[in-house]
PDB file of N, CA and C in Angstrom:
ATOM      1  N   UNK A   1       0.838  -1.238  -0.134  1.00  0.00           N
ATOM      2  CA  UNK A   1       0.100  -0.055  -0.002  1.00  0.00           C
ATOM      3  C   UNK A   1       0.784   1.259  -0.013  1.00  0.00           C
ATOM      4  N   UNK A   2       2.011   1.179   0.795  1.00  0.00           N
ATOM      5  CA  UNK A   2       2.408   2.384   1.126  1.00  0.00           C
ATOM      6  C   UNK A   2       3.401   2.893  -0.328  1.00  0.00           C
ATOM      7  N   UNK A   3       3.872   1.757  -0.955  1.00  0.00           N
ATOM      8  CA  UNK A   3       4.607   1.838  -2.576  1.00  0.00           C
ATOM      9  C   UNK A   3       3.468   2.683  -3.561  1.00  0.00           C
ATOM     10  N   UNK A   4       2.265   1.943  -3.428  1.00  0.00           N
ATOM     11  CA  UNK A   4       1.444   2.597  -4.078  1.00  0.00           C
ATOM     12  C   UNK A   4       0.924   4.190  -4.130  1.00  0.00           C
ATOM     13  N   UNK A   5       1.091   4.325  -2.445  1.00  0.00           N
ATOM     14  CA  UNK A   5       0.602   6.050  -2.456  1.00  0.00           C
ATOM     15  C   UNK A   5       2.199   6.664  -2.707  1.00  0.00           C
ATOM     16  N   UNK A   6       3.221   6.268  -2.728  1.00  0.00           N
ATOM     17  CA  UNK A   6       4.301   6.616  -2.858  1.00  0.00           C
ATOM     18  C   UNK A   6       4.306   6.894  -4.704  1.00  0.00           C
ATOM     19  N   UNK A   7       4.144   6.071  -5.403  1.00  0.00           N
ATOM     20  CA  UNK A   7       4.007   6.030  -6.820  1.00  0.00           C
ATOM     21  C   UNK A   7       3.004   7.136  -6.980  1.00  0.00           C
ATOM     22  N   UNK A   8       1.752   7.296  -6.568  1.00  0.00           N
ATOM     23  CA  UNK A   8       0.833   7.989  -6.572  1.00  0.00           C
ATOM     24  C   UNK A   8       1.367   9.352  -6.650  1.00  0.00           C
ATOM     25  N   UNK A   9       2.060   9.393  -5.641  1.00  0.00           N
ATOM     26  CA  UNK A   9       2.703  11.068  -5.501  1.00  0.00           C
ATOM     27  C   UNK A   9       3.838  11.418  -6.368  1.00  0.00           C
ATOM     28  N   UNK A  10       4.322  10.469  -6.562  1.00  0.00           N
ATOM     29  CA  UNK A  10       5.500  10.945  -7.931  1.00  0.00           C
ATOM     30  C   UNK A  10       5.402  11.125  -9.215  1.00  0.00           C
ATOM     31  N   UNK A  11       4.047  10.330  -9.592  1.00  0.00           N
ATOM     32  CA  UNK A  11       3.502  10.375 -10.678  1.00  0.00           C
ATOM     33  C   UNK A  11       2.790  11.837 -11.104  1.00  0.00           C
ATOM     34  N   UNK A  12       2.730  12.559 -10.295  1.00  0.00           N
ATOM     35  CA  UNK A  12       1.976  13.877 -10.018  1.00  0.00           C
ATOM     36  C   UNK A  12       3.188  14.692  -9.853  1.00  0.00           C
ATOM     37  N   UNK A  13       4.628  14.395  -9.773  1.00  0.00           N
ATOM     38  CA  UNK A  13       5.487  15.463  -9.627  1.00  0.00           C
ATOM     39  C   UNK A  13       6.017  15.863  -8.151  1.00  0.00           C
ATOM     40  N   UNK A  14       5.847  14.853  -7.448  1.00  0.00           N
ATOM     41  CA  UNK A  14       6.150  15.178  -5.796  1.00  0.00           C
ATOM     42  C   UNK A  14       7.305  14.240  -5.917  1.00  0.00           C
ATOM     43  N   UNK A  15       8.419  14.814  -5.045  1.00  0.00           N
ATOM     44  CA  UNK A  15      10.107  14.423  -5.214  1.00  0.00           C
ATOM     45  C   UNK A  15       9.792  12.735  -3.929  1.00  0.00           C
ATOM     46  N   UNK A  16      10.344  11.901  -4.768  1.00  0.00           N
ATOM     47  CA  UNK A  16      10.282  10.570  -4.321  1.00  0.00           C
ATOM     48  C   UNK A  16      10.333  10.627  -2.609  1.00  0.00           C
ATOM     49  N   UNK A  17      11.546  11.615  -2.367  1.00  0.00           N
ATOM     50  CA  UNK A  17      11.874  11.571  -0.521  1.00  0.00           C
ATOM     51  C   UNK A  17      10.963  12.277   0.082  1.00  0.00           C
ATOM     52  N   UNK A  18      10.247  13.268  -0.350  1.00  0.00           N
ATOM     53  CA  UNK A  18       9.048  13.767   0.618  1.00  0.00           C
ATOM     54  C   UNK A  18       7.926  13.143   0.437  1.00  0.00           C
ATOM     55  N   UNK A  19       7.258  12.311  -0.817  1.00  0.00           N
ATOM     56  CA  UNK A  19       6.416  11.556  -0.559  1.00  0.00           C
ATOM     57  C   UNK A  19       6.433  10.171   0.033  1.00  0.00           C
ATOM     58  N   UNK A  20       7.838   9.874   0.212  1.00  0.00           N
ATOM     59  CA  UNK A  20       8.291   8.674   1.508  1.00  0.00           C
ATOM     60  C   UNK A  20       7.974   9.212   2.646  1.00  0.00           C
ATOM     61  N   UNK A  21       8.476  10.392   2.958  1.00  0.00           N
ATOM     62  CA  UNK A  21       8.393  11.089   4.413  1.00  0.00           C
ATOM     63  C   UNK A  21       6.907  10.984   4.466  1.00  0.00           C
ATOM     64  N   UNK A  22       6.165  11.314   3.609  1.00  0.00           N
ATOM     65  CA  UNK A  22       5.141  11.804   4.405  1.00  0.00           C
ATOM     66  C   UNK A  22       4.017  10.620   4.567  1.00  0.00           C
ATOM     67  N   UNK A  23       4.443   9.329   3.606  1.00  0.00           N
ATOM     68  CA  UNK A  23       3.804   8.202   4.111  1.00  0.00           C
ATOM     69  C   UNK A  23       4.417   7.314   5.153  1.00  0.00           C
ATOM     70  N   UNK A  24       5.636   7.598   5.516  1.00  0.00           N
ATOM     71  CA  UNK A  24       5.921   7.126   6.696  1.00  0.00           C
ATOM     72  C   UNK A  24       5.059   7.874   7.888  1.00  0.00           C
ATOM     73  N   UNK A  25       5.151   8.986   8.002  1.00  0.00           N
ATOM     74  CA  UNK A  25       4.475   9.768   8.945  1.00  0.00           C
ATOM     75  C   UNK A  25       3.169   9.375   9.214  1.00  0.00           C
ATOM     76  N   UNK A  26       2.166   9.326   8.321  1.00  0.00           N
ATOM     77  CA  UNK A  26       1.022   8.897   8.207  1.00  0.00           C
ATOM     78  C   UNK A  26       0.803   7.832   8.701  1.00  0.00           C
ATOM     79  N   UNK A  27       1.941   6.611   8.611  1.00  0.00           N
ATOM     80  CA  UNK A  27       1.802   5.328   9.068  1.00  0.00           C
ATOM     81  C   UNK A  27       2.189   5.304  10.657  1.00  0.00           C
ATOM     82  N   UNK A  28       2.871   6.243  10.980  1.00  0.00           N
ATOM     83  CA  UNK A  28       3.305   6.568  12.164  1.00  0.00           C
ATOM     84  C   UNK A  28       2.283   7.243  13.072  1.00  0.00           C
ATOM     85  N   UNK A  29       1.591   8.244  12.337  1.00  0.00           N
ATOM     86  CA  UNK A  29       0.625   8.571  12.976  1.00  0.00           C
ATOM     87  C   UNK A  29      -0.698   7.875  13.332  1.00  0.00           C
ATOM     88  N   UNK A  30      -0.940   6.532  12.286  1.00  0.00           N
ATOM     89  CA  UNK A  30      -2.134   5.598  12.803  1.00  0.00           C
ATOM     90  C   UNK A  30      -1.532   4.895  13.991  1.00  0.00           C
ATOM     91  N   UNK A  31      -0.062   4.599  13.782  1.00  0.00           N
ATOM     92  CA  UNK A  31       0.222   3.310  14.773  1.00  0.00           C
ATOM     93  C   UNK A  31      -0.253   4.443  16.272  1.00  0.00           C
ATOM     94  N   UNK A  32       0.405   5.480  16.151  1.00  0.00           N
ATOM     95  CA  UNK A  32      -0.015   6.356  17.710  1.00  0.00           C
ATOM     96  C   UNK A  32      -1.339   6.578  18.037  1.00  0.00           C
ATOM     97  N   UNK A  33      -2.218   6.483  16.966  1.00  0.00           N
ATOM     98  CA  UNK A  33      -3.536   6.419  17.386  1.00  0.00           C
ATOM     99  C   UNK A  33      -4.213   4.939  17.714  1.00  0.00           C
ATOM    100  N   UNK A  34      -3.359   4.104  17.626  1.00  0.00           N
ATOM    101  CA  UNK A  34      -3.731   2.724  17.972  1.00  0.00           C
ATOM    102  C   UNK A  34      -4.154   1.831  17.062  1.00  0.00           C
ATOM    103  N   UNK A  35      -4.177   2.071  15.561  1.00  0.00           N
ATOM    104  CA  UNK A  35      -4.771   1.369  14.583  1.00  0.00           C
ATOM    105  C   UNK A  35      -3.466   0.276  14.405  1.00  0.00           C
ATOM    106  N   UNK A  36      -3.859  -1.033  14.539  1.00  0.00           N
ATOM    107  CA  UNK A  36      -2.849  -2.244  14.114  1.00  0.00           C
ATOM    108  C   UNK A  36      -3.286  -2.809  13.093  1.00  0.00           C
ATOM    109  N   UNK A  37      -4.713  -2.955  12.541  1.00  0.00           N
ATOM    110  CA  UNK A  37      -4.666  -3.475  11.386  1.00  0.00           C
ATOM    111  C   UNK A  37      -5.860  -2.353  10.558  1.00  0.00           C
ATOM    112  N   UNK A  38      -5.672  -2.217   9.090  1.00  0.00           N
ATOM    113  CA  UNK A  38      -6.579  -1.594   8.458  1.00  0.00           C
ATOM    114  C   UNK A  38      -7.383  -2.688   7.499  1.00  0.00           C
ATOM    115  N   UNK A  39      -8.388  -2.678   8.047  1.00  0.00           N
ATOM    116  CA  UNK A  39      -9.301  -3.810   7.616  1.00  0.00           C
ATOM    117  C   UNK A  39     -10.243  -3.251   6.719  1.00  0.00           C
ATOM    118  N   UNK A  40     -10.656  -2.280   6.434  1.00  0.00           N
ATOM    119  CA  UNK A  40     -11.692  -1.754   6.188  1.00  0.00           C
ATOM    120  C   UNK A  40     -11.237  -0.445   5.134  1.00  0.00           C
ATOM    121  N   UNK A  41     -11.041  -1.017   3.886  1.00  0.00           N
ATOM    122  CA  UNK A  41     -10.455  -0.224   2.995  1.00  0.00           C
ATOM    123  C   UNK A  41     -11.330  -0.443   1.749  1.00  0.00           C
ATOM    124  N   UNK A  42     -11.382   0.788   1.018  1.00  0.00           N
ATOM    125  CA  UNK A  42     -12.661   0.803  -0.330  1.00  0.00           C
ATOM    126  C   UNK A  42     -12.781  -0.443  -1.230  1.00  0.00           C
ATOM    127  N   UNK A  43     -11.653  -0.697  -1.486  1.00  0.00           N
ATOM    128  CA  UNK A  43     -11.684  -2.034  -2.736  1.00  0.00           C
ATOM    129  C   UNK A  43     -11.949  -2.971  -1.746  1.00  0.00           C
ATOM    130  N   UNK A  44     -11.891  -3.322  -0.680  1.00  0.00           N
ATOM    131  CA  UNK A  44     -12.376  -4.880  -0.182  1.00  0.00           C
ATOM    132  C   UNK A  44     -13.634  -5.439  -0.274  1.00  0.00           C
ATOM    133  N   UNK A  45     -14.734  -4.186  -0.501  1.00  0.00           N
ATOM    134  CA  UNK A  45     -15.879  -4.772  -0.681  1.00  0.00           C
ATOM    135  C   UNK A  45     -16.655  -4.551   0.779  1.00  0.00           C
ATOM    136  N   UNK A  46     -16.230  -3.878   1.703  1.00  0.00           N
ATOM    137  CA  UNK A  46     -16.752  -3.514   2.959  1.00  0.00           C
ATOM    138  C   UNK A  46     -17.779  -2.270   2.816  1.00  0.00           C
ATOM    139  N   UNK A  47     -17.573  -1.470   2.043  1.00  0.00           N
ATOM    140  CA  UNK A  47     -17.598  -0.123   1.953  1.00  0.00           C
ATOM    141  C   UNK A  47     -18.780  -0.063   0.858  1.00  0.00           C
ATOM    142  N   UNK A  48     -19.555  -0.804   1.099  1.00  0.00           N
ATOM    143  CA  UNK A  48     -20.529  -0.856  -0.080  1.00  0.00           C
ATOM    144  C   UNK A  48     -22.078  -0.238   0.774  1.00  0.00           C
TER     145      UNK A  48
END
């Protein structure tokens, strides 16, 4: 998932090091909030 996010950002011109930093920060923030597993994502069929 992180690779997809980084690739999406670099595709629109965001430098890879910045995109990677943002993704790492987002994952750290989720961990701080107590998120252990991401189970409800749009493409897994649970958000219908």
